[in-house]
């Protein structure tokens, strides 16, 4: 019985750790912000992996038509490549936040010095555009572990995940899923979508996001939500 019990215990522990690493609402390794105030009829829209010269611009156009604001979790190297897009987001009242400089998924997640240097580089890049350094950080793919939290704490960054997501990083965003995401939203929720197409490999998914984003915005508007930045809902 002892070996079986140990095996069950190891499986359970592995499951708990996996929740802490991947589940956006589990704060196993450190504090996580995934929603804001529940007493206000606001939701926070957030977009990852940009700025992109085509898709970020199209997302911003859809937001403008809906009188919506959002937080863009930017990859620093893309900000350097497309500073004019980032500047336009700021001019339109959106918020820029840290989504690492390289979106590294290897050693960056396990070596604090590497991740911290990457985050610092993104901070320096964003600091050339904003009056105050960003204080919000969304880890690549939302993955969290002790290294992620130590690096964030060292730089005074708040780790931000989400209450609900379009899952358009993995699947094309459809009209049905846009409606369902809008209908599930609760006051204070942080909703996660994507405006970037990392290394050009997600173009067809981002086209779907752009195509069906207006439907999500319409559902939220019809439900009486104000669509705001993450900072505005906290």
C-alpha atoms as a PDB file:
ATOM      1  CA  UNK A   1       0.000   0.000   0.000  1.00  0.00           C
ATOM      2  CA  UNK A   2       2.856   2.398   0.757  1.00  0.00           C
ATOM      3  CA  UNK A   3       4.171   2.519  -2.849  1.00  0.00           C
ATOM      4  CA  UNK A   4       0.635   3.080  -4.127  1.00  0.00           C
ATOM      5  CA  UNK A   5       0.076   5.853  -1.599  1.00  0.00           C
ATOM      6  CA  UNK A   6       3.338   7.502  -2.519  1.00  0.00           C
ATOM      7  CA  UNK A   7       2.444   7.307  -6.196  1.00  0.00           C
ATOM      8  CA  UNK A   8      -0.962   8.865  -5.539  1.00  0.00           C
ATOM      9  CA  UNK A   9       0.655  11.580  -3.471  1.00  0.00           C
ATOM     10  CA  UNK A  10       3.172  12.349  -6.200  1.00  0.00           C
ATOM     11  CA  UNK A  11       0.392  12.501  -8.795  1.00  0.00           C
ATOM     12  CA  UNK A  12      -1.642  14.854  -6.637  1.00  0.00           C
ATOM     13  CA  UNK A  13       1.376  17.086  -6.000  1.00  0.00           C
ATOM     14  CA  UNK A  14       2.147  17.156  -9.708  1.00  0.00           C
ATOM     15  CA  UNK A  15      -1.424  18.173 -10.425  1.00  0.00           C
ATOM     16  CA  UNK A  16      -1.312  21.012  -7.906  1.00  0.00           C
ATOM     17  CA  UNK A  17       1.981  22.289  -9.328  1.00  0.00           C
ATOM     18  CA  UNK A  18       0.570  22.162 -12.852  1.00  0.00           C
ATOM     19  CA  UNK A  19      -2.388  24.259 -11.723  1.00  0.00           C
ATOM     20  CA  UNK A  20      -0.009  26.801 -10.231  1.00  0.00           C
ATOM     21  CA  UNK A  21       2.050  26.965 -13.418  1.00  0.00           C
ATOM     22  CA  UNK A  22      -0.736  27.105 -15.989  1.00  0.00           C
ATOM     23  CA  UNK A  23      -4.080  28.014 -14.401  1.00  0.00           C
ATOM     24  CA  UNK A  24      -4.506  31.799 -14.622  1.00  0.00           C
ATOM     25  CA  UNK A  25      -6.461  32.073 -11.374  1.00  0.00           C
ATOM     26  CA  UNK A  26      -4.261  29.914  -9.121  1.00  0.00           C
ATOM     27  CA  UNK A  27      -1.692  31.877  -7.089  1.00  0.00           C
ATOM     28  CA  UNK A  28       0.490  28.997  -5.940  1.00  0.00           C
ATOM     29  CA  UNK A  29       3.904  30.619  -6.382  1.00  0.00           C
ATOM     30  CA  UNK A  30       3.088  34.265  -5.737  1.00  0.00           C
ATOM     31  CA  UNK A  31       0.444  36.969  -6.040  1.00  0.00           C
ATOM     32  CA  UNK A  32      -1.521  37.105  -9.291  1.00  0.00           C
ATOM     33  CA  UNK A  33      -4.015  39.691 -10.509  1.00  0.00           C
ATOM     34  CA  UNK A  34      -6.739  38.215 -12.711  1.00  0.00           C
ATOM     35  CA  UNK A  35      -9.639  40.551 -12.000  1.00  0.00           C
ATOM     36  CA  UNK A  36     -10.304  44.009 -10.664  1.00  0.00           C
ATOM     37  CA  UNK A  37     -13.106  45.606  -8.673  1.00  0.00           C
ATOM     38  CA  UNK A  38     -16.352  43.684  -8.734  1.00  0.00           C
ATOM     39  CA  UNK A  39     -18.480  46.701  -7.801  1.00  0.00           C
ATOM     40  CA  UNK A  40     -18.102  48.487 -11.133  1.00  0.00           C
ATOM     41  CA  UNK A  41     -19.660  47.553 -14.497  1.00  0.00           C
ATOM     42  CA  UNK A  42     -16.265  47.419 -16.195  1.00  0.00           C
ATOM     43  CA  UNK A  43     -14.208  44.723 -17.847  1.00  0.00           C
ATOM     44  CA  UNK A  44     -10.563  45.023 -18.827  1.00  0.00           C
ATOM     45  CA  UNK A  45      -9.587  44.048 -22.353  1.00  0.00           C
ATOM     46  CA  UNK A  46      -6.008  42.876 -22.823  1.00  0.00           C
ATOM     47  CA  UNK A  47      -4.025  41.854 -25.890  1.00  0.00           C
ATOM     48  CA  UNK A  48      -0.746  39.925 -26.018  1.00  0.00           C
ATOM     49  CA  UNK A  49       2.266  39.481 -28.317  1.00  0.00           C
ATOM     50  CA  UNK A  50       2.191  42.762 -30.260  1.00  0.00           C
ATOM     51  CA  UNK A  51       2.569  45.309 -31.515  1.00  0.00           C
ATOM     52  CA  UNK A  52       2.001  44.047 -35.038  1.00  0.00           C
ATOM     53  CA  UNK A  53       1.941  46.507 -37.961  1.00  0.00           C
ATOM     54  CA  UNK A  54      -1.277  45.039 -39.356  1.00  0.00           C
ATOM     55  CA  UNK A  55      -3.239  43.304 -36.645  1.00  0.00           C
ATOM     56  CA  UNK A  56      -2.610  45.715 -33.773  1.00  0.00           C
ATOM     57  CA  UNK A  57      -3.747  48.568 -35.997  1.00  0.00           C
ATOM     58  CA  UNK A  58      -6.916  46.656 -36.923  1.00  0.00           C
ATOM     59  CA  UNK A  59      -7.604  45.795 -33.278  1.00  0.00           C
ATOM     60  CA  UNK A  60      -7.196  49.466 -32.345  1.00  0.00           C
ATOM     61  CA  UNK A  61      -9.644  50.465 -35.083  1.00  0.00           C
ATOM     62  CA  UNK A  62     -12.256  48.046 -33.735  1.00  0.00           C
ATOM     63  CA  UNK A  63     -11.721  49.346 -30.209  1.00  0.00           C
ATOM     64  CA  UNK A  64     -12.099  52.946 -31.351  1.00  0.00           C
ATOM     65  CA  UNK A  65     -15.418  52.182 -33.064  1.00  0.00           C
ATOM     66  CA  UNK A  66     -16.702  50.656 -29.811  1.00  0.00           C
ATOM     67  CA  UNK A  67     -15.291  53.467 -27.645  1.00  0.00           C
ATOM     68  CA  UNK A  68     -13.252  50.830 -25.823  1.00  0.00           C
ATOM     69  CA  UNK A  69      -9.825  51.008 -24.191  1.00  0.00           C
ATOM     70  CA  UNK A  70      -7.430  48.119 -23.600  1.00  0.00           C
ATOM     71  CA  UNK A  71      -4.085  47.083 -22.167  1.00  0.00           C
ATOM     72  CA  UNK A  72      -1.553  45.802 -24.672  1.00  0.00           C
ATOM     73  CA  UNK A  73       1.008  43.436 -23.162  1.00  0.00           C
ATOM     74  CA  UNK A  74       3.862  44.161 -25.544  1.00  0.00           C
ATOM     75  CA  UNK A  75       6.857  42.080 -26.606  1.00  0.00           C
ATOM     76  CA  UNK A  76       9.773  44.498 -26.411  1.00  0.00           C
ATOM     77  CA  UNK A  77      11.451  43.457 -29.642  1.00  0.00           C
ATOM     78  CA  UNK A  78       8.243  44.202 -31.541  1.00  0.00           C
ATOM     79  CA  UNK A  79       7.957  47.598 -29.881  1.00  0.00           C
ATOM     80  CA  UNK A  80      11.466  48.343 -31.140  1.00  0.00           C
ATOM     81  CA  UNK A  81      10.491  47.150 -34.620  1.00  0.00           C
ATOM     82  CA  UNK A  82       7.178  49.047 -34.726  1.00  0.00           C
ATOM     83  CA  UNK A  83       7.413  52.034 -32.370  1.00  0.00           C
ATOM     84  CA  UNK A  84       4.920  54.025 -34.414  1.00  0.00           C
ATOM     85  CA  UNK A  85       2.210  51.436 -33.675  1.00  0.00           C
ATOM     86  CA  UNK A  86       2.948  51.551 -29.950  1.00  0.00           C
ATOM     87  CA  UNK A  87       2.892  55.350 -29.977  1.00  0.00           C
ATOM     88  CA  UNK A  88      -0.480  55.327 -31.710  1.00  0.00           C
ATOM     89  CA  UNK A  89      -1.917  53.021 -29.049  1.00  0.00           C
ATOM     90  CA  UNK A  90      -0.826  55.465 -26.370  1.00  0.00           C
ATOM     91  CA  UNK A  91      -2.235  58.405 -28.317  1.00  0.00           C
ATOM     92  CA  UNK A  92      -5.615  56.654 -28.421  1.00  0.00           C
ATOM     93  CA  UNK A  93      -5.681  56.138 -24.656  1.00  0.00           C
ATOM     94  CA  UNK A  94      -4.620  52.526 -24.419  1.00  0.00           C
ATOM     95  CA  UNK A  95      -2.153  51.123 -21.903  1.00  0.00           C
ATOM     96  CA  UNK A  96       1.182  49.429 -22.645  1.00  0.00           C
ATOM     97  CA  UNK A  97       2.512  46.711 -20.347  1.00  0.00           C
ATOM     98  CA  UNK A  98       5.393  44.222 -20.181  1.00  0.00           C
ATOM     99  CA  UNK A  99       5.153  40.852 -21.946  1.00  0.00           C
ATOM    100  CA  UNK A 100       8.949  40.244 -21.940  1.00  0.00           C
ATOM    101  CA  UNK A 101      11.392  41.385 -24.599  1.00  0.00           C
ATOM    102  CA  UNK A 102      11.791  38.102 -26.506  1.00  0.00           C
ATOM    103  CA  UNK A 103       8.803  35.986 -25.407  1.00  0.00           C
ATOM    104  CA  UNK A 104      11.345  33.314 -24.504  1.00  0.00           C
ATOM    105  CA  UNK A 105       9.988  29.927 -23.490  1.00  0.00           C
ATOM    106  CA  UNK A 106      13.250  28.178 -22.665  1.00  0.00           C
ATOM    107  CA  UNK A 107      15.832  29.070 -20.036  1.00  0.00           C
ATOM    108  CA  UNK A 108      14.094  32.359 -19.349  1.00  0.00           C
ATOM    109  CA  UNK A 109      11.437  30.480 -17.397  1.00  0.00           C
ATOM    110  CA  UNK A 110      13.936  28.722 -15.133  1.00  0.00           C
ATOM    111  CA  UNK A 111      16.885  31.102 -14.682  1.00  0.00           C
ATOM    112  CA  UNK A 112      16.015  34.270 -12.824  1.00  0.00           C
ATOM    113  CA  UNK A 113      18.951  36.273 -14.160  1.00  0.00           C
ATOM    114  CA  UNK A 114      17.921  35.577 -17.768  1.00  0.00           C
ATOM    115  CA  UNK A 115      14.253  36.371 -17.234  1.00  0.00           C
ATOM    116  CA  UNK A 116      14.962  39.450 -15.161  1.00  0.00           C
ATOM    117  CA  UNK A 117      17.346  40.842 -17.790  1.00  0.00           C
ATOM    118  CA  UNK A 118      14.718  40.178 -20.460  1.00  0.00           C
ATOM    119  CA  UNK A 119      12.029  41.970 -18.476  1.00  0.00           C
ATOM    120  CA  UNK A 120      14.358  44.878 -17.763  1.00  0.00           C
ATOM    121  CA  UNK A 121      15.091  45.236 -21.460  1.00  0.00           C
ATOM    122  CA  UNK A 122      11.376  45.366 -22.223  1.00  0.00           C
ATOM    123  CA  UNK A 123      10.928  47.943 -19.470  1.00  0.00           C
ATOM    124  CA  UNK A 124      13.671  50.122 -20.951  1.00  0.00           C
ATOM    125  CA  UNK A 125      12.092  49.879 -24.387  1.00  0.00           C
ATOM    126  CA  UNK A 126       8.646  50.837 -23.111  1.00  0.00           C
ATOM    127  CA  UNK A 127      10.140  53.624 -20.969  1.00  0.00           C
ATOM    128  CA  UNK A 128      11.144  55.462 -24.152  1.00  0.00           C
ATOM    129  CA  UNK A 129       7.428  55.843 -24.960  1.00  0.00           C
ATOM    130  CA  UNK A 130       5.642  56.326 -21.631  1.00  0.00           C
ATOM    131  CA  UNK A 131       6.026  58.905 -18.883  1.00  0.00           C
ATOM    132  CA  UNK A 132       6.050  56.322 -16.101  1.00  0.00           C
ATOM    133  CA  UNK A 133       7.524  52.788 -16.306  1.00  0.00           C
ATOM    134  CA  UNK A 134       4.850  50.089 -16.737  1.00  0.00           C
ATOM    135  CA  UNK A 135       4.043  48.158 -13.579  1.00  0.00           C
ATOM    136  CA  UNK A 136       2.045  45.320 -15.136  1.00  0.00           C
ATOM    137  CA  UNK A 137       3.654  42.116 -16.436  1.00  0.00           C
ATOM    138  CA  UNK A 138       2.060  39.149 -18.122  1.00  0.00           C
ATOM    139  CA  UNK A 139       4.421  36.166 -18.386  1.00  0.00           C
ATOM    140  CA  UNK A 140       4.834  34.478 -21.756  1.00  0.00           C
ATOM    141  CA  UNK A 141       1.825  32.167 -22.268  1.00  0.00           C
ATOM    142  CA  UNK A 142       0.799  33.084 -18.721  1.00  0.00           C
ATOM    143  CA  UNK A 143       3.245  30.537 -17.270  1.00  0.00           C
ATOM    144  CA  UNK A 144       4.202  31.166 -13.645  1.00  0.00           C
ATOM    145  CA  UNK A 145       6.722  29.529 -11.356  1.00  0.00           C
ATOM    146  CA  UNK A 146       8.981  30.716  -8.516  1.00  0.00           C
ATOM    147  CA  UNK A 147      11.481  32.209 -10.992  1.00  0.00           C
ATOM    148  CA  UNK A 148       8.767  34.249 -12.722  1.00  0.00           C
ATOM    149  CA  UNK A 149       7.555  35.657  -9.432  1.00  0.00           C
ATOM    150  CA  UNK A 150      11.027  36.395  -8.070  1.00  0.00           C
ATOM    151  CA  UNK A 151      11.961  38.271 -11.248  1.00  0.00           C
ATOM    152  CA  UNK A 152       8.704  40.233 -11.154  1.00  0.00           C
ATOM    153  CA  UNK A 153       9.162  41.128  -7.501  1.00  0.00           C
ATOM    154  CA  UNK A 154      12.739  42.259  -8.075  1.00  0.00           C
ATOM    155  CA  UNK A 155      11.522  44.732 -10.692  1.00  0.00           C
ATOM    156  CA  UNK A 156       8.420  45.835  -8.829  1.00  0.00           C
ATOM    157  CA  UNK A 157       6.103  44.319 -11.451  1.00  0.00           C
ATOM    158  CA  UNK A 158       2.604  42.994 -10.795  1.00  0.00           C
ATOM    159  CA  UNK A 159       1.921  39.618 -12.404  1.00  0.00           C
ATOM    160  CA  UNK A 160      -1.308  39.799 -14.407  1.00  0.00           C
ATOM    161  CA  UNK A 161      -3.170  36.830 -15.872  1.00  0.00           C
ATOM    162  CA  UNK A 162      -6.871  36.767 -16.795  1.00  0.00           C
ATOM    163  CA  UNK A 163     -10.330  35.758 -15.667  1.00  0.00           C
ATOM    164  CA  UNK A 164     -11.288  34.446 -19.092  1.00  0.00           C
ATOM    165  CA  UNK A 165      -9.648  34.199 -22.502  1.00  0.00           C
ATOM    166  CA  UNK A 166     -10.457  34.029 -26.183  1.00  0.00           C
ATOM    167  CA  UNK A 167      -7.890  31.222 -26.465  1.00  0.00           C
ATOM    168  CA  UNK A 168      -7.008  32.704 -29.821  1.00  0.00           C
ATOM    169  CA  UNK A 169      -3.373  31.883 -29.247  1.00  0.00           C
ATOM    170  CA  UNK A 170      -4.255  28.246 -29.907  1.00  0.00           C
ATOM    171  CA  UNK A 171      -7.487  28.359 -31.911  1.00  0.00           C
ATOM    172  CA  UNK A 172      -9.093  30.758 -34.392  1.00  0.00           C
ATOM    173  CA  UNK A 173     -11.542  33.105 -32.660  1.00  0.00           C
ATOM    174  CA  UNK A 174     -15.044  32.385 -33.964  1.00  0.00           C
ATOM    175  CA  UNK A 175     -18.249  34.403 -33.724  1.00  0.00           C
ATOM    176  CA  UNK A 176     -19.756  31.784 -31.413  1.00  0.00           C
ATOM    177  CA  UNK A 177     -16.807  31.937 -29.054  1.00  0.00           C
ATOM    178  CA  UNK A 178     -16.875  35.745 -29.165  1.00  0.00           C
ATOM    179  CA  UNK A 179     -20.510  35.727 -28.069  1.00  0.00           C
ATOM    180  CA  UNK A 180     -19.867  33.169 -25.322  1.00  0.00           C
ATOM    181  CA  UNK A 181     -16.858  35.086 -23.990  1.00  0.00           C
ATOM    182  CA  UNK A 182     -18.906  38.270 -23.842  1.00  0.00           C
ATOM    183  CA  UNK A 183     -21.825  36.536 -22.147  1.00  0.00           C
ATOM    184  CA  UNK A 184     -19.583  34.961 -19.475  1.00  0.00           C
ATOM    185  CA  UNK A 185     -17.905  38.229 -18.490  1.00  0.00           C
ATOM    186  CA  UNK A 186     -18.362  39.477 -14.934  1.00  0.00           C
ATOM    187  CA  UNK A 187     -17.690  42.960 -13.553  1.00  0.00           C
ATOM    188  CA  UNK A 188     -13.959  43.442 -13.034  1.00  0.00           C
ATOM    189  CA  UNK A 189     -12.909  40.545 -15.262  1.00  0.00           C
ATOM    190  CA  UNK A 190      -9.667  40.768 -17.212  1.00  0.00           C
ATOM    191  CA  UNK A 191     -10.175  39.233 -20.656  1.00  0.00           C
ATOM    192  CA  UNK A 192      -7.185  37.999 -22.670  1.00  0.00           C
ATOM    193  CA  UNK A 193      -6.822  38.058 -26.451  1.00  0.00           C
ATOM    194  CA  UNK A 194      -3.937  38.440 -28.917  1.00  0.00           C
ATOM    195  CA  UNK A 195      -2.948  41.148 -31.364  1.00  0.00           C
ATOM    196  CA  UNK A 196       0.471  39.734 -32.268  1.00  0.00           C
ATOM    197  CA  UNK A 197       1.456  36.917 -34.618  1.00  0.00           C
ATOM    198  CA  UNK A 198       4.688  35.568 -33.196  1.00  0.00           C
ATOM    199  CA  UNK A 199       7.249  35.044 -35.960  1.00  0.00           C
ATOM    200  CA  UNK A 200       4.417  35.117 -38.526  1.00  0.00           C
ATOM    201  CA  UNK A 201       3.164  31.701 -37.490  1.00  0.00           C
ATOM    202  CA  UNK A 202      -0.320  32.702 -36.316  1.00  0.00           C
ATOM    203  CA  UNK A 203      -1.515  34.951 -39.094  1.00  0.00           C
ATOM    204  CA  UNK A 204      -4.708  32.984 -39.815  1.00  0.00           C
ATOM    205  CA  UNK A 205      -5.610  33.023 -36.116  1.00  0.00           C
ATOM    206  CA  UNK A 206      -5.059  36.734 -35.811  1.00  0.00           C
ATOM    207  CA  UNK A 207      -7.204  37.360 -38.878  1.00  0.00           C
ATOM    208  CA  UNK A 208      -9.998  35.537 -37.042  1.00  0.00           C
ATOM    209  CA  UNK A 209      -9.439  37.626 -33.918  1.00  0.00           C
ATOM    210  CA  UNK A 210      -9.718  40.847 -35.912  1.00  0.00           C
ATOM    211  CA  UNK A 211     -12.784  39.600 -37.767  1.00  0.00           C
ATOM    212  CA  UNK A 212     -14.758  38.620 -34.665  1.00  0.00           C
ATOM    213  CA  UNK A 213     -13.507  41.125 -32.087  1.00  0.00           C
ATOM    214  CA  UNK A 214     -16.351  43.552 -32.963  1.00  0.00           C
ATOM    215  CA  UNK A 215     -18.872  40.870 -31.979  1.00  0.00           C
ATOM    216  CA  UNK A 216     -17.285  40.491 -28.544  1.00  0.00           C
ATOM    217  CA  UNK A 217     -17.283  44.261 -28.097  1.00  0.00           C
ATOM    218  CA  UNK A 218     -20.937  44.478 -29.136  1.00  0.00           C
ATOM    219  CA  UNK A 219     -22.000  41.791 -26.653  1.00  0.00           C
ATOM    220  CA  UNK A 220     -20.136  43.524 -23.822  1.00  0.00           C
ATOM    221  CA  UNK A 221     -21.599  46.898 -24.779  1.00  0.00           C
ATOM    222  CA  UNK A 222     -25.140  45.471 -24.971  1.00  0.00           C
ATOM    223  CA  UNK A 223     -24.661  44.044 -21.467  1.00  0.00           C
ATOM    224  CA  UNK A 224     -23.804  47.529 -20.212  1.00  0.00           C
ATOM    225  CA  UNK A 225     -20.075  47.055 -19.696  1.00  0.00           C
ATOM    226  CA  UNK A 226     -17.506  49.787 -20.015  1.00  0.00           C
ATOM    227  CA  UNK A 227     -14.409  48.336 -21.694  1.00  0.00           C
ATOM    228  CA  UNK A 228     -11.293  49.613 -19.976  1.00  0.00           C
ATOM    229  CA  UNK A 229      -7.604  49.048 -19.338  1.00  0.00           C
ATOM    230  CA  UNK A 230      -6.367  46.714 -16.624  1.00  0.00           C
ATOM    231  CA  UNK A 231      -5.227  49.625 -14.467  1.00  0.00           C
ATOM    232  CA  UNK A 232      -8.678  51.208 -14.716  1.00  0.00           C
ATOM    233  CA  UNK A 233     -10.425  48.133 -13.294  1.00  0.00           C
ATOM    234  CA  UNK A 234      -7.994  47.531 -10.430  1.00  0.00           C
END
